[in-house]
N, C-alpha and C. Protein backbone atom coordinates (compact mmCIF):
# COMPACT_ATOMS: atom_id res chain seq x y z
N MET A 1 -27.66 28.42 22.34
CA MET A 1 -26.69 27.73 22.26
C MET A 1 -26.81 26.77 21.23
N SER A 2 -28.07 26.09 21.11
CA SER A 2 -28.41 25.05 19.94
C SER A 2 -28.23 25.82 18.44
N LYS A 3 -28.62 27.11 18.58
CA LYS A 3 -28.58 27.84 17.44
C LYS A 3 -27.15 28.04 16.65
N ARG A 4 -26.13 28.12 17.89
CA ARG A 4 -24.81 28.15 17.57
C ARG A 4 -24.08 26.86 17.12
N ILE A 5 -24.53 25.87 17.70
CA ILE A 5 -24.17 24.29 17.44
C ILE A 5 -24.78 24.16 15.91
N SER A 6 -25.91 24.46 15.61
CA SER A 6 -26.53 24.05 14.19
C SER A 6 -25.93 24.96 13.18
N PHE A 7 -25.50 26.34 13.51
CA PHE A 7 -24.63 27.05 12.70
C PHE A 7 -23.35 26.34 12.28
N LEU A 8 -22.75 25.93 13.54
CA LEU A 8 -21.20 25.27 13.32
C LEU A 8 -21.37 24.14 12.39
N VAL A 9 -22.62 23.19 12.53
CA VAL A 9 -22.48 22.04 11.83
C VAL A 9 -22.98 22.37 10.20
N LEU A 10 -23.61 23.39 10.10
CA LEU A 10 -23.94 23.75 8.72
C LEU A 10 -22.69 24.30 8.07
N ALA A 11 -21.87 25.01 8.79
CA ALA A 11 -20.66 25.79 8.24
C ALA A 11 -19.73 24.63 7.80
N PHE A 12 -19.60 23.48 8.78
CA PHE A 12 -18.83 22.21 8.49
C PHE A 12 -19.16 21.56 7.15
N VAL A 13 -20.37 21.33 6.93
CA VAL A 13 -21.11 20.51 5.92
C VAL A 13 -20.67 21.34 4.60
N MET A 14 -20.87 22.65 4.67
CA MET A 14 -20.70 23.48 3.66
C MET A 14 -19.25 23.63 3.08
N PHE A 15 -18.44 23.52 4.14
CA PHE A 15 -17.04 23.82 3.99
C PHE A 15 -16.61 22.48 3.42
N THR A 16 -16.83 21.34 3.89
CA THR A 16 -16.36 19.77 3.42
C THR A 16 -17.09 19.57 2.02
N SER A 17 -18.26 20.36 1.85
CA SER A 17 -18.84 19.87 0.52
C SER A 17 -18.08 20.68 -0.76
N PHE A 18 -17.68 22.10 -0.35
CA PHE A 18 -16.72 22.76 -1.19
C PHE A 18 -15.33 22.33 -1.23
N ALA A 19 -14.76 21.82 -0.07
CA ALA A 19 -13.51 21.41 -0.24
C ALA A 19 -13.26 20.22 -0.97
N CYS A 20 -13.99 19.06 -1.22
CA CYS A 20 -13.94 17.91 -1.72
C CYS A 20 -14.75 18.07 -3.16
N THR A 21 -13.97 18.44 -4.13
CA THR A 21 -14.53 18.71 -5.20
C THR A 21 -14.12 17.81 -6.64
N GLY A 22 -14.75 17.93 -7.48
CA GLY A 22 -14.35 17.17 -8.74
C GLY A 22 -14.91 15.84 -8.99
N PRO A 23 -14.40 15.16 -9.78
CA PRO A 23 -14.74 13.60 -10.05
C PRO A 23 -14.38 12.88 -8.88
N LYS A 24 -15.19 11.72 -8.76
CA LYS A 24 -15.01 10.75 -7.85
C LYS A 24 -14.04 9.83 -8.19
N ALA A 25 -12.99 9.14 -7.61
CA ALA A 25 -12.24 8.15 -7.91
C ALA A 25 -13.01 6.85 -8.17
N ASP A 26 -12.69 6.28 -9.36
CA ASP A 26 -13.50 5.21 -9.92
C ASP A 26 -12.44 4.39 -10.69
N LEU A 27 -12.82 3.08 -10.96
CA LEU A 27 -11.87 2.26 -11.95
C LEU A 27 -11.47 3.22 -13.04
N GLY A 28 -10.14 3.09 -13.19
CA GLY A 28 -9.50 3.80 -14.29
C GLY A 28 -9.18 5.22 -14.10
N SER A 29 -9.43 5.74 -13.12
CA SER A 29 -9.26 7.15 -12.64
C SER A 29 -7.89 7.18 -12.19
N ILE A 30 -7.02 8.30 -12.39
CA ILE A 30 -5.77 8.59 -12.07
C ILE A 30 -5.92 9.36 -10.63
N VAL A 31 -5.48 8.77 -9.63
CA VAL A 31 -5.68 9.41 -8.27
C VAL A 31 -4.30 9.80 -7.51
N THR A 32 -4.06 10.91 -7.32
CA THR A 32 -2.93 11.49 -6.68
C THR A 32 -3.37 11.76 -5.28
N PHE A 33 -2.38 11.04 -4.37
CA PHE A 33 -2.71 11.13 -2.85
C PHE A 33 -1.45 11.31 -2.02
N ASP A 34 -1.45 11.81 -0.77
CA ASP A 34 -0.39 11.65 0.18
C ASP A 34 -1.05 10.79 1.23
N TYR A 35 -0.07 9.97 1.72
CA TYR A 35 -0.51 9.28 2.87
C TYR A 35 0.45 8.87 3.80
N THR A 36 0.06 8.18 5.10
CA THR A 36 0.87 7.69 6.04
C THR A 36 0.45 6.56 6.58
N GLY A 37 1.49 5.32 6.53
CA GLY A 37 1.33 4.03 6.87
C GLY A 37 1.69 3.76 8.32
N THR A 38 0.92 3.32 9.35
CA THR A 38 1.62 3.12 10.75
C THR A 38 1.07 1.65 11.14
N PHE A 39 1.92 0.90 11.82
CA PHE A 39 1.44 -0.17 12.50
C PHE A 39 0.18 0.01 13.44
N LYS A 40 -0.80 -0.55 13.24
CA LYS A 40 -2.05 -0.16 14.10
C LYS A 40 -1.58 -0.46 15.44
N LYS A 41 -0.94 -1.62 15.84
CA LYS A 41 -0.69 -2.05 17.23
C LYS A 41 0.17 -0.88 17.99
N SER A 42 1.28 -0.46 17.34
CA SER A 42 2.46 0.31 18.06
C SER A 42 2.28 1.85 17.72
N GLY A 43 1.73 1.92 16.53
CA GLY A 43 1.63 3.49 15.92
C GLY A 43 2.81 3.82 15.28
N GLU A 44 3.87 2.88 15.07
CA GLU A 44 5.30 3.15 14.50
C GLU A 44 4.98 3.36 12.88
N GLU A 45 5.30 4.43 12.36
CA GLU A 45 5.20 4.63 11.14
C GLU A 45 6.04 3.86 10.11
N PHE A 46 5.70 3.28 9.15
CA PHE A 46 6.45 2.50 8.17
C PHE A 46 6.60 2.99 6.78
N ASP A 47 5.67 3.84 6.39
CA ASP A 47 5.80 4.56 5.15
C ASP A 47 5.11 5.69 5.05
N THR A 48 5.62 7.05 4.24
CA THR A 48 4.90 8.14 4.10
C THR A 48 5.37 8.66 2.98
N THR A 49 4.32 9.57 2.48
CA THR A 49 4.86 10.47 1.32
C THR A 49 5.33 11.88 1.93
N LYS A 50 5.19 12.08 3.13
CA LYS A 50 5.67 13.38 3.78
C LYS A 50 7.10 13.65 3.24
N GLY A 51 7.24 15.03 2.85
CA GLY A 51 8.44 15.30 2.40
C GLY A 51 8.80 14.90 0.82
N LYS A 52 8.09 14.01 0.47
CA LYS A 52 8.27 13.46 -0.96
C LYS A 52 6.98 13.91 -1.88
N LYS A 53 6.92 13.47 -3.11
CA LYS A 53 6.00 13.70 -4.11
C LYS A 53 4.90 12.74 -3.67
N PRO A 54 3.65 13.46 -3.90
CA PRO A 54 2.31 12.54 -3.61
C PRO A 54 2.49 11.25 -4.57
N LEU A 55 1.72 10.21 -4.20
CA LEU A 55 1.66 9.02 -4.98
C LEU A 55 0.67 9.05 -6.09
N GLU A 56 0.94 8.58 -7.41
CA GLU A 56 -0.19 8.71 -8.35
C GLU A 56 -0.19 7.28 -8.92
N VAL A 57 -1.54 6.89 -9.03
CA VAL A 57 -1.80 5.44 -9.34
C VAL A 57 -2.97 5.68 -10.29
N VAL A 58 -3.20 4.50 -11.06
CA VAL A 58 -4.49 4.29 -11.82
C VAL A 58 -5.35 3.24 -10.99
N ILE A 59 -6.62 3.73 -10.68
CA ILE A 59 -7.26 2.74 -9.80
C ILE A 59 -7.66 1.44 -10.83
N GLY A 60 -7.45 0.25 -10.32
CA GLY A 60 -7.96 -0.81 -11.08
C GLY A 60 -6.68 -1.47 -11.98
N ASN A 61 -5.29 -0.74 -11.94
CA ASN A 61 -4.11 -1.24 -12.65
C ASN A 61 -3.24 -2.00 -11.77
N LYS A 62 -3.76 -2.47 -10.61
CA LYS A 62 -3.11 -3.38 -9.68
C LYS A 62 -1.99 -2.79 -9.14
N GLN A 63 -1.70 -1.56 -8.93
CA GLN A 63 -0.63 -0.81 -8.46
C GLN A 63 -0.40 -0.85 -7.03
N LEU A 64 -1.55 -0.99 -6.30
CA LEU A 64 -1.69 -1.03 -5.05
C LEU A 64 -2.43 -2.32 -4.47
N LEU A 65 -2.19 -2.48 -3.12
CA LEU A 65 -3.33 -3.63 -2.67
C LEU A 65 -4.68 -3.34 -2.80
N LYS A 66 -5.41 -4.52 -3.14
CA LYS A 66 -6.78 -4.09 -3.68
C LYS A 66 -7.49 -3.58 -2.55
N ALA A 67 -7.39 -3.87 -1.60
CA ALA A 67 -8.18 -3.44 -0.33
C ALA A 67 -7.85 -1.98 -0.14
N PHE A 68 -6.65 -1.35 -0.41
CA PHE A 68 -6.46 -0.01 -0.44
C PHE A 68 -6.88 0.70 -1.39
N GLU A 69 -6.96 -0.05 -2.57
CA GLU A 69 -7.53 0.69 -4.09
C GLU A 69 -9.12 1.02 -3.58
N ASP A 70 -9.56 -0.13 -3.09
CA ASP A 70 -11.17 -0.09 -2.85
C ASP A 70 -11.33 1.20 -1.96
N LYS A 71 -10.62 1.48 -0.76
CA LYS A 71 -10.84 2.46 0.08
C LYS A 71 -10.68 3.89 -0.53
N LEU A 72 -9.95 3.89 -1.88
CA LEU A 72 -10.01 5.19 -2.56
C LEU A 72 -10.84 5.38 -3.34
N LEU A 73 -11.69 4.42 -3.78
CA LEU A 73 -12.92 4.53 -4.74
C LEU A 73 -14.10 5.36 -3.96
N GLY A 74 -14.50 6.32 -4.81
CA GLY A 74 -15.36 7.37 -4.51
C GLY A 74 -14.84 8.63 -3.66
N MET A 75 -13.67 8.62 -3.49
CA MET A 75 -12.94 9.95 -2.81
C MET A 75 -12.63 10.86 -3.98
N ARG A 76 -12.69 12.15 -3.51
CA ARG A 76 -12.59 13.30 -4.42
C ARG A 76 -11.43 14.11 -3.81
N LYS A 77 -11.07 14.87 -4.97
CA LYS A 77 -9.95 16.00 -4.51
C LYS A 77 -10.31 16.79 -3.18
N GLY A 78 -9.25 16.66 -2.23
CA GLY A 78 -9.43 17.37 -1.19
C GLY A 78 -9.96 16.44 -0.04
N SER A 79 -10.39 15.37 -0.33
CA SER A 79 -11.24 14.33 0.86
C SER A 79 -9.97 13.50 1.59
N SER A 80 -10.11 13.11 2.65
CA SER A 80 -9.35 12.57 3.75
C SER A 80 -9.95 11.47 4.19
N LYS A 81 -9.26 10.33 4.52
CA LYS A 81 -9.67 9.08 5.03
C LYS A 81 -8.65 8.39 5.99
N SER A 82 -9.07 7.83 6.90
CA SER A 82 -8.32 6.83 7.73
C SER A 82 -8.97 5.53 7.55
N PHE A 83 -8.29 4.42 7.58
CA PHE A 83 -8.68 3.31 7.56
C PHE A 83 -7.72 2.05 7.87
N VAL A 84 -8.00 0.80 8.23
CA VAL A 84 -6.92 -0.18 8.59
C VAL A 84 -7.23 -1.28 7.77
N LEU A 85 -6.09 -1.91 7.24
CA LEU A 85 -6.11 -3.20 6.42
C LEU A 85 -5.83 -4.34 7.54
N LYS A 86 -6.60 -5.27 7.59
CA LYS A 86 -6.13 -6.55 8.29
C LYS A 86 -5.22 -7.36 7.38
N PRO A 87 -4.23 -8.24 8.19
CA PRO A 87 -3.44 -8.94 7.48
C PRO A 87 -3.81 -9.74 6.14
N GLU A 88 -4.88 -10.27 6.20
CA GLU A 88 -5.56 -10.89 4.79
C GLU A 88 -5.77 -9.91 3.77
N GLU A 89 -6.02 -8.66 4.20
CA GLU A 89 -6.28 -7.76 3.13
C GLU A 89 -5.02 -7.09 2.52
N ALA A 90 -4.03 -7.37 3.34
CA ALA A 90 -2.63 -6.60 2.81
C ALA A 90 -1.90 -7.73 2.44
N TYR A 91 -0.67 -7.97 3.30
CA TYR A 91 0.34 -8.85 3.03
C TYR A 91 0.28 -10.26 3.68
N GLY A 92 -1.02 -10.63 3.95
CA GLY A 92 -1.27 -12.00 4.61
C GLY A 92 -0.60 -12.30 5.92
N ALA A 93 -0.96 -13.48 6.42
CA ALA A 93 -0.32 -13.79 7.90
C ALA A 93 0.95 -14.22 7.81
N ARG A 94 1.76 -14.13 8.67
CA ARG A 94 3.05 -14.61 8.75
C ARG A 94 3.06 -16.20 8.76
N ASP A 95 3.93 -16.69 7.86
CA ASP A 95 3.99 -18.24 7.41
C ASP A 95 5.09 -18.77 8.05
N PRO A 96 5.21 -19.55 9.09
CA PRO A 96 6.43 -20.09 9.76
C PRO A 96 7.13 -21.03 8.82
N LYS A 97 6.45 -21.45 7.63
CA LYS A 97 7.24 -22.05 6.61
C LYS A 97 8.21 -21.50 5.84
N LYS A 98 8.05 -20.17 5.88
CA LYS A 98 8.97 -18.96 5.01
C LYS A 98 10.13 -18.55 6.12
N VAL A 99 10.39 -19.33 7.29
CA VAL A 99 11.54 -19.14 8.05
C VAL A 99 12.19 -20.51 7.90
N VAL A 100 13.56 -20.30 6.96
CA VAL A 100 14.18 -21.60 6.71
C VAL A 100 15.71 -21.36 6.91
N GLU A 101 16.35 -22.39 7.27
CA GLU A 101 17.66 -22.55 7.43
C GLU A 101 18.53 -22.96 6.11
N ILE A 102 19.58 -22.52 5.53
CA ILE A 102 20.13 -22.73 4.50
C ILE A 102 21.62 -22.67 4.57
N GLU A 103 22.53 -23.31 3.67
CA GLU A 103 23.76 -23.42 3.90
C GLU A 103 24.33 -22.25 3.64
N ARG A 104 25.51 -21.71 4.43
CA ARG A 104 26.14 -20.37 4.20
C ARG A 104 27.14 -20.86 3.10
N ASP A 105 26.75 -20.52 1.91
CA ASP A 105 27.55 -20.72 0.60
C ASP A 105 28.07 -19.66 -0.03
N LYS A 106 28.58 -19.60 -1.23
CA LYS A 106 29.07 -18.51 -1.83
C LYS A 106 28.03 -17.63 -2.20
N ARG A 107 26.67 -17.81 -2.25
CA ARG A 107 25.67 -16.73 -2.35
C ARG A 107 25.89 -15.64 -1.16
N PHE A 108 26.60 -15.96 -0.29
CA PHE A 108 26.76 -14.89 0.90
C PHE A 108 28.09 -14.20 0.98
N THR A 109 28.96 -14.67 -0.04
CA THR A 109 30.39 -14.09 -0.11
C THR A 109 30.20 -12.46 -0.26
N GLY A 110 30.62 -11.98 0.46
CA GLY A 110 30.77 -10.44 0.66
C GLY A 110 29.53 -9.78 1.27
N VAL A 111 28.75 -10.65 1.73
CA VAL A 111 27.24 -10.09 2.41
C VAL A 111 27.56 -10.13 3.77
N GLU A 112 27.36 -8.62 4.44
CA GLU A 112 27.76 -8.76 5.79
C GLU A 112 26.35 -9.16 6.53
N LEU A 113 26.29 -10.20 7.36
CA LEU A 113 25.19 -10.77 7.93
C LEU A 113 25.25 -10.14 9.31
N LYS A 114 23.83 -9.90 9.74
CA LYS A 114 23.77 -9.22 10.79
C LYS A 114 22.22 -9.67 11.34
N ASN A 115 22.31 -10.23 12.45
CA ASN A 115 20.76 -10.62 12.94
C ASN A 115 19.79 -9.32 12.85
N GLY A 116 18.59 -9.77 12.20
CA GLY A 116 17.53 -8.69 12.00
C GLY A 116 17.87 -7.80 10.99
N SER A 117 19.06 -7.92 10.04
CA SER A 117 19.14 -6.91 9.07
C SER A 117 18.51 -7.65 7.67
N THR A 118 18.35 -6.86 6.72
CA THR A 118 17.60 -7.39 5.46
C THR A 118 18.50 -7.47 4.40
N ILE A 119 18.57 -8.45 3.77
CA ILE A 119 19.42 -8.50 2.36
C ILE A 119 18.22 -8.67 1.31
N TYR A 120 18.65 -8.72 -0.01
CA TYR A 120 17.84 -8.96 -0.99
C TYR A 120 18.37 -9.89 -1.88
N ALA A 121 17.41 -10.96 -2.26
CA ALA A 121 17.61 -11.76 -3.22
C ALA A 121 17.13 -11.43 -4.57
N VAL A 122 17.88 -11.59 -5.77
CA VAL A 122 17.31 -11.24 -7.06
C VAL A 122 17.19 -12.61 -7.68
N ASN A 123 15.73 -12.65 -8.19
CA ASN A 123 15.36 -13.77 -8.98
C ASN A 123 14.59 -13.37 -10.27
N LYS A 124 14.33 -14.37 -11.16
CA LYS A 124 13.50 -13.88 -12.33
C LYS A 124 12.01 -14.27 -12.18
N ASP A 125 11.05 -13.46 -12.61
CA ASP A 125 9.86 -13.74 -12.59
C ASP A 125 9.43 -14.48 -13.98
N ALA A 126 8.20 -14.90 -14.08
CA ALA A 126 7.84 -15.68 -15.26
C ALA A 126 8.17 -15.17 -16.59
N LYS A 127 8.31 -13.87 -16.61
CA LYS A 127 8.38 -13.03 -17.87
C LYS A 127 9.86 -12.72 -17.90
N GLY A 128 10.73 -13.35 -16.95
CA GLY A 128 12.23 -13.18 -17.22
C GLY A 128 12.88 -11.90 -16.68
N ASN A 129 11.92 -11.02 -16.03
CA ASN A 129 12.28 -9.79 -15.21
C ASN A 129 12.80 -10.06 -13.98
N ASN A 130 13.94 -9.18 -13.40
CA ASN A 130 14.55 -9.40 -12.30
C ASN A 130 13.56 -8.88 -11.26
N VAL A 131 13.27 -9.81 -10.01
CA VAL A 131 12.43 -9.46 -9.09
C VAL A 131 13.26 -9.55 -7.65
N SER A 132 13.35 -8.52 -7.01
CA SER A 132 14.04 -8.44 -5.85
C SER A 132 13.28 -8.88 -4.50
N THR A 133 13.58 -9.77 -3.88
CA THR A 133 12.72 -10.15 -2.55
C THR A 133 13.47 -9.90 -1.43
N PRO A 134 12.97 -9.27 -0.37
CA PRO A 134 13.58 -9.17 0.85
C PRO A 134 13.77 -10.23 1.68
N LEU A 135 14.73 -10.45 2.36
CA LEU A 135 15.12 -11.68 3.18
C LEU A 135 15.71 -11.11 4.47
N LYS A 136 14.95 -11.36 5.63
CA LYS A 136 15.57 -10.87 6.97
C LYS A 136 16.29 -12.07 7.39
N ILE A 137 17.50 -11.62 7.93
CA ILE A 137 18.21 -12.63 8.54
C ILE A 137 18.02 -12.81 9.98
N VAL A 138 17.79 -14.13 10.57
CA VAL A 138 17.09 -14.34 11.61
C VAL A 138 18.35 -14.68 12.74
N SER A 139 19.12 -15.81 12.06
CA SER A 139 20.36 -15.95 12.73
C SER A 139 21.41 -16.73 11.81
N PHE A 140 22.82 -16.81 12.23
CA PHE A 140 23.54 -17.23 11.38
C PHE A 140 24.81 -17.91 12.21
N THR A 141 25.57 -18.91 11.48
CA THR A 141 26.56 -19.62 12.06
C THR A 141 27.59 -19.34 11.03
N ASP A 142 28.77 -20.09 11.22
CA ASP A 142 29.75 -20.11 10.18
C ASP A 142 29.29 -20.89 9.02
N SER A 143 28.42 -21.98 9.26
CA SER A 143 27.89 -22.84 8.07
C SER A 143 26.41 -22.56 7.80
N LYS A 144 25.49 -22.10 8.65
CA LYS A 144 24.17 -22.01 8.06
C LYS A 144 23.81 -20.38 8.41
N VAL A 145 22.65 -20.21 7.59
CA VAL A 145 22.05 -18.81 7.75
C VAL A 145 20.55 -19.21 7.98
N THR A 146 19.74 -18.89 9.10
CA THR A 146 18.35 -18.71 9.04
C THR A 146 17.70 -17.44 8.51
N ILE A 147 16.99 -17.70 7.47
CA ILE A 147 16.27 -16.39 6.79
C ILE A 147 14.71 -16.64 6.84
N ASP A 148 14.14 -15.17 7.06
CA ASP A 148 12.83 -15.22 6.99
C ASP A 148 12.29 -14.30 5.63
N TYR A 149 11.74 -15.22 4.77
CA TYR A 149 11.05 -14.46 3.56
C TYR A 149 9.67 -14.06 3.41
N ASN A 150 9.13 -13.91 4.94
CA ASN A 150 7.71 -13.32 4.84
C ASN A 150 7.95 -12.08 4.53
N HIS A 151 6.90 -11.35 3.94
CA HIS A 151 6.83 -9.81 3.61
C HIS A 151 7.03 -9.19 4.92
N PRO A 152 7.88 -8.10 4.88
CA PRO A 152 8.28 -7.33 6.01
C PRO A 152 6.83 -6.93 7.01
N LEU A 153 5.62 -6.80 6.32
CA LEU A 153 4.58 -6.20 6.82
C LEU A 153 3.50 -7.45 7.08
N ALA A 154 3.98 -8.60 6.82
CA ALA A 154 2.96 -9.80 6.77
C ALA A 154 2.78 -10.05 8.24
N GLY A 155 1.35 -10.25 8.61
CA GLY A 155 0.86 -10.32 9.96
C GLY A 155 0.66 -9.13 10.58
N GLU A 156 0.63 -7.84 9.89
CA GLU A 156 0.40 -6.70 10.86
C GLU A 156 -0.85 -6.24 10.25
N GLU A 157 -1.52 -5.47 11.34
CA GLU A 157 -2.74 -4.80 10.89
C GLU A 157 -2.10 -3.28 10.58
N LEU A 158 -2.50 -2.80 9.28
CA LEU A 158 -1.94 -1.61 8.90
C LEU A 158 -2.68 -0.50 8.88
N LYS A 159 -2.52 0.75 9.47
CA LYS A 159 -3.22 1.84 9.53
C LYS A 159 -2.93 2.86 8.54
N PHE A 160 -3.84 3.42 7.85
CA PHE A 160 -3.37 4.64 6.67
C PHE A 160 -4.15 5.72 6.98
N LYS A 161 -3.46 6.87 6.79
CA LYS A 161 -4.18 8.31 6.61
C LYS A 161 -3.88 8.75 5.12
N VAL A 162 -5.11 8.91 4.56
CA VAL A 162 -4.85 9.29 3.18
C VAL A 162 -5.60 10.66 2.89
N LYS A 163 -4.96 11.54 2.07
CA LYS A 163 -5.68 12.75 1.53
C LYS A 163 -5.38 12.90 0.10
N VAL A 164 -6.34 12.82 -0.63
CA VAL A 164 -6.60 12.91 -1.96
C VAL A 164 -6.08 14.57 -2.41
N VAL A 165 -5.17 14.57 -3.32
CA VAL A 165 -4.68 15.55 -3.92
C VAL A 165 -5.22 15.84 -5.28
N ASP A 166 -5.48 15.04 -6.00
CA ASP A 166 -6.16 15.14 -7.37
C ASP A 166 -6.82 13.67 -7.69
N VAL A 167 -8.00 14.16 -8.69
CA VAL A 167 -8.62 12.75 -9.27
C VAL A 167 -8.93 13.32 -10.69
N LYS A 168 -8.34 12.37 -11.79
CA LYS A 168 -8.56 12.72 -13.03
C LYS A 168 -9.27 11.56 -13.65
N PRO A 169 -10.19 11.75 -14.52
CA PRO A 169 -11.04 10.62 -15.05
C PRO A 169 -10.14 9.66 -16.16
N PHE A 170 -10.77 8.79 -16.35
CA PHE A 170 -10.04 7.90 -17.28
C PHE A 170 -9.75 8.50 -18.57
N ASP A 171 -8.40 8.36 -19.07
CA ASP A 171 -7.81 8.90 -20.18
C ASP A 171 -6.80 8.00 -21.07
N ASP A 172 -6.02 8.78 -21.71
CA ASP A 172 -5.19 7.79 -22.73
C ASP A 172 -4.30 7.10 -21.88
N ARG A 173 -3.73 7.63 -20.65
CA ARG A 173 -2.57 7.05 -19.91
C ARG A 173 -3.25 5.69 -19.18
N THR A 174 -4.71 5.63 -18.95
CA THR A 174 -5.20 4.72 -18.34
C THR A 174 -5.56 3.62 -19.32
N LYS A 175 -5.21 3.66 -20.49
CA LYS A 175 -5.89 2.71 -21.59
C LYS A 175 -5.09 1.40 -21.41
N VAL A 176 -3.98 1.33 -20.49
CA VAL A 176 -3.69 -0.13 -20.22
C VAL A 176 -4.67 -1.08 -19.85
N LEU A 177 -5.60 -0.48 -19.09
CA LEU A 177 -6.99 -1.30 -18.76
C LEU A 177 -7.74 -1.58 -19.93
N THR A 178 -8.15 -2.77 -20.20
CA THR A 178 -9.13 -2.92 -21.25
C THR A 178 -10.62 -2.86 -20.82
N GLN A 179 -11.39 -2.57 -21.74
CA GLN A 179 -13.06 -2.21 -21.24
C GLN A 179 -13.16 -3.55 -20.37
N ALA A 180 -12.91 -4.67 -21.02
CA ALA A 180 -13.28 -5.96 -20.49
C ALA A 180 -12.93 -5.94 -18.83
N ASP A 181 -11.57 -5.53 -18.70
CA ASP A 181 -11.13 -5.44 -17.45
C ASP A 181 -12.02 -4.58 -16.20
N LEU A 182 -12.16 -3.39 -16.92
CA LEU A 182 -13.10 -2.36 -16.31
C LEU A 182 -14.56 -3.22 -15.93
N ASP A 183 -15.11 -3.76 -16.91
CA ASP A 183 -16.40 -4.14 -16.90
C ASP A 183 -16.49 -5.36 -15.95
N ALA A 184 -15.26 -6.30 -15.78
CA ALA A 184 -15.31 -7.17 -14.87
C ALA A 184 -14.92 -6.86 -13.24
N ALA A 185 -14.25 -5.83 -13.21
CA ALA A 185 -14.01 -5.24 -11.76
C ALA A 185 -15.31 -4.38 -11.46
N ARG A 186 -16.05 -3.85 -12.30
CA ARG A 186 -17.38 -3.28 -11.83
C ARG A 186 -18.49 -4.07 -11.27
N ALA A 187 -18.28 -5.24 -12.24
CA ALA A 187 -19.24 -6.33 -11.77
C ALA A 187 -19.11 -6.90 -10.47
N LYS A 188 -17.80 -6.87 -10.00
CA LYS A 188 -17.41 -7.41 -8.68
C LYS A 188 -17.80 -6.34 -7.55
N LYS A 189 -18.04 -5.23 -7.76
CA LYS A 189 -18.29 -4.22 -6.76
C LYS A 189 -19.75 -4.40 -6.00
């Protein structure tokens, strides 16, 4: 019996060694992966690439949450991982100061208000680009609207299942990162 278990363990180790090949994900790597995100507490799915194209990112280019990127480091093509991000690693704690009551004025003309629904405010960032901010309608009257502009995932522990589809080393597409950026990021590791 123990020889059979030893054989199965050896077969598993050999399989996983061959299945996860190629370069390791590192700063500047182009990583393509599938994922599913669920709320840790309820198990409810909030995002996935199932039925969609896998996500492709450049590690270190701030396209993902830093803690999520950190979990991708060292992964190879074919590898899988599950992990949990705490609120402080993801979208922060819920801030009660971000629930405010405002006048129901012309900004709401033509907007169907419904408790619990999400509307979007469009503002300009420091560079003049349009930025869309989700606002949850908490309640409303004829003259007031209470909105919550916490990130929809704020205060939540988020569980992710990730499977790496491909890892490509640093190349011309990743040159948006400067060598100083890469050096500084590596120094923090």
